[in-house]
Amino acid sequence: LFYQDDILLLQFLPEINYNLSRRLEYGSFYLVIPLFAIFLRLAFPKEVKRFLFHVILTVGFICAAMVAVTPTLFFSSTLDFYQSFTVLTILYGFFIIVSAVVHKRNGANFLLVGISIIFVATINDMLYSRHLLQTGYFVKYALVIMIISQSLLIISRLTTAFKLNRELSQNLENKVEERTVDLNNTVEQLKV
């Protein structure tokens, strides 16, 4: 998310030193995966397996902590491992979302599109960074699509909640009217 080669970062921080720029680059990459797992756990708690969730958090936060406290040469050597871990985590996230779609969880279909695009862009960026593809970096654009898909998920859930609230309010009004009529009938019978 903070790439040294990004012109935007260099425009805001032109005097940034190499070690700090690497820490920002690796640290943001290493934190995205546990944050992604937390998001999936909050969005689809029944589909996320507790053990795998904790493994993802532990590995992600340990690697991010290593970026903060170890020399650049050391933490940069973890990139191959973490890229493989990222691919596995995204595949697991894809499985979670497909499972949520199958179970007809509200908004899951929107996230399925977003995660599919993120997965393809992530693989592309990894291959491009190794000079195996001549395409460019696309994750930053895929993140925009993912944010849109997350927004659609939230809109879908809010719409459902609003409809349910309206139905419950109407049912409550009907019950109050029924009980009032029953109570008035009981009062009339007691007067007689």
C-alpha atoms as a PDB file:
ATOM      1  CA  LEU A   1       0.000   0.000   0.000  1.00  0.00           C
ATOM      2  CA  PHE A   2       3.052   2.168   0.467  1.00  0.00           C
ATOM      3  CA  TYR A   3       5.202   1.279  -2.511  1.00  0.00           C
ATOM      4  CA  GLN A   4       8.525   3.048  -2.814  1.00  0.00           C
ATOM      5  CA  ASP A   5       8.110   3.237  -6.578  1.00  0.00           C
ATOM      6  CA  ASP A   6       4.761   4.966  -6.228  1.00  0.00           C
ATOM      7  CA  ILE A   7       5.099   8.569  -7.241  1.00  0.00           C
ATOM      8  CA  LEU A   8       2.375   9.577  -4.769  1.00  0.00           C
ATOM      9  CA  LEU A   9       4.405   8.466  -1.757  1.00  0.00           C
ATOM     10  CA  LEU A  10       7.496  10.221  -3.054  1.00  0.00           C
ATOM     11  CA  GLN A  11       5.505  13.425  -3.673  1.00  0.00           C
ATOM     12  CA  PHE A  12       4.351  13.559  -0.059  1.00  0.00           C
ATOM     13  CA  LEU A  13       7.589  12.304   1.465  1.00  0.00           C
ATOM     14  CA  PRO A  14      10.442  13.072  -0.964  1.00  0.00           C
ATOM     15  CA  GLU A  15      13.083  12.894   1.771  1.00  0.00           C
ATOM     16  CA  ILE A  16      11.987   9.470   3.058  1.00  0.00           C
ATOM     17  CA  ASN A  17      14.957   7.200   3.662  1.00  0.00           C
ATOM     18  CA  TYR A  18      15.283   3.752   2.157  1.00  0.00           C
ATOM     19  CA  ASN A  19      14.841   1.741   5.370  1.00  0.00           C
ATOM     20  CA  LEU A  20      11.685   3.597   6.369  1.00  0.00           C
ATOM     21  CA  SER A  21      10.198   3.270   2.884  1.00  0.00           C
ATOM     22  CA  ARG A  22      10.866  -0.486   2.954  1.00  0.00           C
ATOM     23  CA  ARG A  23       9.292  -0.770   6.409  1.00  0.00           C
ATOM     24  CA  LEU A  24       6.183   1.057   5.191  1.00  0.00           C
ATOM     25  CA  GLU A  25       6.003  -1.072   2.054  1.00  0.00           C
ATOM     26  CA  TYR A  26       6.453  -4.436   3.771  1.00  0.00           C
ATOM     27  CA  GLY A  27       4.529  -3.506   6.907  1.00  0.00           C
ATOM     28  CA  SER A  28       1.448  -2.401   5.008  1.00  0.00           C
ATOM     29  CA  PHE A  29       1.569  -5.536   2.859  1.00  0.00           C
ATOM     30  CA  TYR A  30       1.978  -7.785   5.909  1.00  0.00           C
ATOM     31  CA  LEU A  31      -0.894  -6.113   7.782  1.00  0.00           C
ATOM     32  CA  VAL A  32      -3.379  -6.343   4.914  1.00  0.00           C
ATOM     33  CA  ILE A  33      -3.750 -10.111   5.267  1.00  0.00           C
ATOM     34  CA  PRO A  34      -4.751 -10.242   8.954  1.00  0.00           C
ATOM     35  CA  LEU A  35      -7.064  -7.246   8.406  1.00  0.00           C
ATOM     36  CA  PHE A  36      -8.627  -9.101   5.478  1.00  0.00           C
ATOM     37  CA  ALA A  37      -9.170 -12.121   7.757  1.00  0.00           C
ATOM     38  CA  ILE A  38     -10.801  -9.930  10.405  1.00  0.00           C
ATOM     39  CA  PHE A  39     -13.101  -8.434   7.771  1.00  0.00           C
ATOM     40  CA  LEU A  40     -14.134 -11.891   6.546  1.00  0.00           C
ATOM     41  CA  ARG A  41     -14.733 -13.060  10.112  1.00  0.00           C
ATOM     42  CA  LEU A  42     -16.987 -10.076  10.770  1.00  0.00           C
ATOM     43  CA  ALA A  43     -18.813 -10.415   7.439  1.00  0.00           C
ATOM     44  CA  PHE A  44     -19.284 -14.212   7.466  1.00  0.00           C
ATOM     45  CA  PRO A  45     -18.655 -15.578  10.972  1.00  0.00           C
ATOM     46  CA  LYS A  46     -20.267 -18.954  10.261  1.00  0.00           C
ATOM     47  CA  GLU A  47     -17.984 -19.639   7.295  1.00  0.00           C
ATOM     48  CA  VAL A  48     -14.638 -18.667   8.875  1.00  0.00           C
ATOM     49  CA  LYS A  49     -12.966 -21.497  10.769  1.00  0.00           C
ATOM     50  CA  ARG A  50     -11.670 -20.316  14.134  1.00  0.00           C
ATOM     51  CA  PHE A  51      -8.336 -22.176  13.963  1.00  0.00           C
ATOM     52  CA  LEU A  52      -7.435 -20.897  10.487  1.00  0.00           C
ATOM     53  CA  PHE A  53      -8.509 -17.395  11.473  1.00  0.00           C
ATOM     54  CA  HIS A  54      -6.076 -17.444  14.408  1.00  0.00           C
ATOM     55  CA  VAL A  55      -3.280 -18.884  12.259  1.00  0.00           C
ATOM     56  CA  ILE A  56      -3.718 -16.080   9.717  1.00  0.00           C
ATOM     57  CA  LEU A  57      -3.714 -13.423  12.446  1.00  0.00           C
ATOM     58  CA  THR A  58      -0.695 -14.905  14.185  1.00  0.00           C
ATOM     59  CA  VAL A  59       1.433 -15.258  11.057  1.00  0.00           C
ATOM     60  CA  GLY A  60       0.433 -11.838   9.731  1.00  0.00           C
ATOM     61  CA  PHE A  61       1.059  -9.960  12.964  1.00  0.00           C
ATOM     62  CA  ILE A  62       4.336 -11.774  13.661  1.00  0.00           C
ATOM     63  CA  CYS A  63       5.619 -10.912  10.182  1.00  0.00           C
ATOM     64  CA  ALA A  64       4.462  -7.291  10.577  1.00  0.00           C
ATOM     65  CA  ALA A  65       6.176  -7.103  13.964  1.00  0.00           C
ATOM     66  CA  MET A  66       9.377  -8.439  12.386  1.00  0.00           C
ATOM     67  CA  VAL A  67       9.240  -5.537   9.939  1.00  0.00           C
ATOM     68  CA  ALA A  68       9.083  -3.120  12.856  1.00  0.00           C
ATOM     69  CA  VAL A  69      11.945  -4.583  14.899  1.00  0.00           C
ATOM     70  CA  THR A  70      14.386  -6.381  12.591  1.00  0.00           C
ATOM     71  CA  PRO A  71      16.887  -5.036  10.064  1.00  0.00           C
ATOM     72  CA  THR A  72      15.736  -4.528   6.479  1.00  0.00           C
ATOM     73  CA  LEU A  73      17.920  -7.347   5.196  1.00  0.00           C
ATOM     74  CA  PHE A  74      16.218  -9.807   7.563  1.00  0.00           C
ATOM     75  CA  PHE A  75      12.560  -8.883   7.100  1.00  0.00           C
ATOM     76  CA  SER A  76      12.919  -8.539   3.333  1.00  0.00           C
ATOM     77  CA  SER A  77      14.005 -12.195   3.237  1.00  0.00           C
ATOM     78  CA  THR A  78      10.509 -13.170   4.454  1.00  0.00           C
ATOM     79  CA  LEU A  79       8.815 -11.860   1.308  1.00  0.00           C
ATOM     80  CA  ASP A  80       8.757 -15.155  -0.619  1.00  0.00           C
ATOM     81  CA  PHE A  81       7.185 -16.936   2.331  1.00  0.00           C
ATOM     82  CA  TYR A  82       4.639 -14.168   2.897  1.00  0.00           C
ATOM     83  CA  GLN A  83       3.664 -13.977  -0.760  1.00  0.00           C
ATOM     84  CA  SER A  84       2.899 -17.699  -0.691  1.00  0.00           C
ATOM     85  CA  PHE A  85       0.995 -17.212   2.554  1.00  0.00           C
ATOM     86  CA  THR A  86      -0.949 -14.360   0.913  1.00  0.00           C
ATOM     87  CA  VAL A  87      -1.975 -16.516  -2.035  1.00  0.00           C
ATOM     88  CA  LEU A  88      -3.147 -19.280   0.318  1.00  0.00           C
ATOM     89  CA  THR A  89      -5.053 -16.784   2.466  1.00  0.00           C
ATOM     90  CA  ILE A  90      -6.777 -15.230  -0.539  1.00  0.00           C
ATOM     91  CA  LEU A  91      -7.710 -18.705  -1.773  1.00  0.00           C
ATOM     92  CA  TYR A  92      -9.132 -19.452   1.666  1.00  0.00           C
ATOM     93  CA  GLY A  93     -11.013 -16.136   1.537  1.00  0.00           C
ATOM     94  CA  PHE A  94     -12.338 -17.108  -1.875  1.00  0.00           C
ATOM     95  CA  PHE A  95     -13.526 -20.424  -0.403  1.00  0.00           C
ATOM     96  CA  ILE A  96     -15.217 -18.575   2.480  1.00  0.00           C
ATOM     97  CA  ILE A  97     -17.041 -16.232   0.139  1.00  0.00           C
ATOM     98  CA  VAL A  98     -18.104 -19.037  -2.219  1.00  0.00           C
ATOM     99  CA  SER A  99     -19.414 -20.891   0.835  1.00  0.00           C
ATOM    100  CA  ALA A 100     -21.278 -17.736   1.878  1.00  0.00           C
ATOM    101  CA  VAL A 101     -22.795 -17.459  -1.616  1.00  0.00           C
ATOM    102  CA  VAL A 102     -23.875 -21.118  -1.472  1.00  0.00           C
ATOM    103  CA  HIS A 103     -25.454 -20.495   1.946  1.00  0.00           C
ATOM    104  CA  LYS A 104     -27.143 -17.397   0.482  1.00  0.00           C
ATOM    105  CA  ARG A 105     -25.515 -14.960   2.901  1.00  0.00           C
ATOM    106  CA  ASN A 106     -26.578 -11.412   2.253  1.00  0.00           C
ATOM    107  CA  GLY A 107     -24.111  -9.546  -0.012  1.00  0.00           C
ATOM    108  CA  ALA A 108     -21.702 -12.446  -0.519  1.00  0.00           C
ATOM    109  CA  ASN A 109     -22.055 -12.306  -4.291  1.00  0.00           C
ATOM    110  CA  PHE A 110     -20.682  -8.738  -4.327  1.00  0.00           C
ATOM    111  CA  LEU A 111     -17.583  -9.805  -2.414  1.00  0.00           C
ATOM    112  CA  LEU A 112     -17.075 -12.783  -4.694  1.00  0.00           C
ATOM    113  CA  VAL A 113     -16.483 -10.381  -7.579  1.00  0.00           C
ATOM    114  CA  GLY A 114     -14.174  -8.207  -5.478  1.00  0.00           C
ATOM    115  CA  ILE A 115     -12.025 -11.027  -4.152  1.00  0.00           C
ATOM    116  CA  SER A 116     -11.738 -12.623  -7.601  1.00  0.00           C
ATOM    117  CA  ILE A 117     -10.324  -9.390  -8.970  1.00  0.00           C
ATOM    118  CA  ILE A 118      -8.008  -8.956  -5.965  1.00  0.00           C
ATOM    119  CA  PHE A 119      -6.716 -12.505  -6.413  1.00  0.00           C
ATOM    120  CA  VAL A 120      -5.916 -12.018 -10.103  1.00  0.00           C
ATOM    121  CA  ALA A 121      -4.301  -8.631  -9.437  1.00  0.00           C
ATOM    122  CA  THR A 122      -2.225 -10.019  -6.561  1.00  0.00           C
ATOM    123  CA  ILE A 123      -0.889 -12.874  -8.667  1.00  0.00           C
ATOM    124  CA  ASN A 124      -0.159 -10.410 -11.472  1.00  0.00           C
ATOM    125  CA  ASP A 125       1.733  -8.055  -9.143  1.00  0.00           C
ATOM    126  CA  MET A 126       3.796 -10.877  -7.665  1.00  0.00           C
ATOM    127  CA  LEU A 127       4.756 -12.120 -11.111  1.00  0.00           C
ATOM    128  CA  TYR A 128       5.414  -8.583 -12.361  1.00  0.00           C
ATOM    129  CA  SER A 129       7.681  -7.815  -9.399  1.00  0.00           C
ATOM    130  CA  ARG A 130       9.737 -10.892 -10.335  1.00  0.00           C
ATOM    131  CA  HIS A 131       9.884  -9.730 -13.969  1.00  0.00           C
ATOM    132  CA  LEU A 132       7.908 -12.766 -15.132  1.00  0.00           C
ATOM    133  CA  LEU A 133       5.172 -10.566 -16.620  1.00  0.00           C
ATOM    134  CA  GLN A 134       5.386  -7.239 -18.403  1.00  0.00           C
ATOM    135  CA  THR A 135       2.044  -5.836 -17.253  1.00  0.00           C
ATOM    136  CA  GLY A 136       2.375  -3.424 -14.323  1.00  0.00           C
ATOM    137  CA  TYR A 137       1.041  -3.247 -10.787  1.00  0.00           C
ATOM    138  CA  PHE A 138      -2.733  -3.590 -10.523  1.00  0.00           C
ATOM    139  CA  VAL A 139      -3.540  -4.330  -6.874  1.00  0.00           C
ATOM    140  CA  LYS A 140      -4.093  -0.651  -6.131  1.00  0.00           C
ATOM    141  CA  TYR A 141      -6.831  -0.591  -8.788  1.00  0.00           C
ATOM    142  CA  ALA A 142      -8.263  -3.900  -7.636  1.00  0.00           C
ATOM    143  CA  LEU A 143      -8.502  -2.463  -4.118  1.00  0.00           C
ATOM    144  CA  VAL A 144     -10.869   0.199  -5.438  1.00  0.00           C
ATOM    145  CA  ILE A 145     -13.088  -2.536  -6.866  1.00  0.00           C
ATOM    146  CA  MET A 146     -12.857  -4.435  -3.580  1.00  0.00           C
ATOM    147  CA  ILE A 147     -13.898  -1.315  -1.658  1.00  0.00           C
ATOM    148  CA  ILE A 148     -16.862  -0.907  -4.008  1.00  0.00           C
ATOM    149  CA  SER A 149     -17.844  -4.550  -3.469  1.00  0.00           C
ATOM    150  CA  GLN A 150     -17.576  -4.053   0.303  1.00  0.00           C
ATOM    151  CA  SER A 151     -19.760  -0.965  -0.002  1.00  0.00           C
ATOM    152  CA  LEU A 152     -22.340  -2.964  -1.926  1.00  0.00           C
ATOM    153  CA  LEU A 153     -22.244  -5.619   0.804  1.00  0.00           C
ATOM    154  CA  ILE A 154     -22.914  -2.959   3.438  1.00  0.00           C
ATOM    155  CA  ILE A 155     -25.698  -1.386   1.370  1.00  0.00           C
ATOM    156  CA  SER A 156     -27.300  -4.782   0.859  1.00  0.00           C
ATOM    157  CA  ARG A 157     -27.197  -5.556   4.565  1.00  0.00           C
ATOM    158  CA  LEU A 158     -28.486  -2.119   5.552  1.00  0.00           C
ATOM    159  CA  THR A 159     -31.364  -2.449   3.090  1.00  0.00           C
ATOM    160  CA  THR A 160     -32.273  -5.841   4.518  1.00  0.00           C
ATOM    161  CA  ALA A 161     -32.074  -4.493   8.067  1.00  0.00           C
ATOM    162  CA  PHE A 162     -34.251  -1.502   7.129  1.00  0.00           C
ATOM    163  CA  LYS A 163     -36.908  -3.766   5.570  1.00  0.00           C
ATOM    164  CA  LEU A 164     -36.874  -6.040   8.611  1.00  0.00           C
ATOM    165  CA  ASN A 165     -37.184  -3.021  10.906  1.00  0.00           C
ATOM    166  CA  ARG A 166     -40.168  -1.757   8.925  1.00  0.00           C
ATOM    167  CA  GLU A 167     -41.856  -5.189   9.044  1.00  0.00           C
ATOM    168  CA  LEU A 168     -41.257  -5.524  12.784  1.00  0.00           C
ATOM    169  CA  SER A 169     -42.589  -2.020  13.402  1.00  0.00           C
ATOM    170  CA  GLN A 170     -45.726  -2.790  11.418  1.00  0.00           C
ATOM    171  CA  ASN A 171     -46.218  -6.080  13.252  1.00  0.00           C
ATOM    172  CA  LEU A 172     -45.773  -4.294  16.577  1.00  0.00           C
ATOM    173  CA  GLU A 173     -48.370  -1.672  15.628  1.00  0.00           C
ATOM    174  CA  ASN A 174     -50.822  -4.427  14.640  1.00  0.00           C
ATOM    175  CA  LYS A 175     -50.231  -6.287  17.917  1.00  0.00           C
ATOM    176  CA  VAL A 176     -50.726  -3.076  19.927  1.00  0.00           C
ATOM    177  CA  GLU A 177     -54.019  -2.440  18.108  1.00  0.00           C
ATOM    178  CA  GLU A 178     -55.157  -6.032  18.721  1.00  0.00           C
ATOM    179  CA  ARG A 179     -54.237  -5.887  22.398  1.00  0.00           C
ATOM    180  CA  THR A 180     -55.938  -2.515  22.793  1.00  0.00           C
ATOM    181  CA  VAL A 181     -59.148  -3.904  21.307  1.00  0.00           C
ATOM    182  CA  ASP A 182     -58.882  -6.986  23.546  1.00  0.00           C
ATOM    183  CA  LEU A 183     -58.250  -4.806  26.589  1.00  0.00           C
ATOM    184  CA  ASN A 184     -61.200  -2.517  25.749  1.00  0.00           C
ATOM    185  CA  ASN A 185     -63.454  -5.575  25.317  1.00  0.00           C
ATOM    186  CA  THR A 186     -62.309  -6.932  28.680  1.00  0.00           C
ATOM    187  CA  VAL A 187     -62.960  -3.568  30.362  1.00  0.00           C
ATOM    188  CA  GLU A 188     -66.467  -3.430  28.800  1.00  0.00           C
ATOM    189  CA  GLN A 189     -67.197  -6.963  30.014  1.00  0.00           C
ATOM    190  CA  LEU A 190     -66.061  -6.093  33.525  1.00  0.00           C
ATOM    191  CA  LYS A 191     -68.354  -3.046  33.590  1.00  0.00           C
ATOM    192  CA  VAL A 192     -71.367  -5.204  32.824  1.00  0.00           C
END
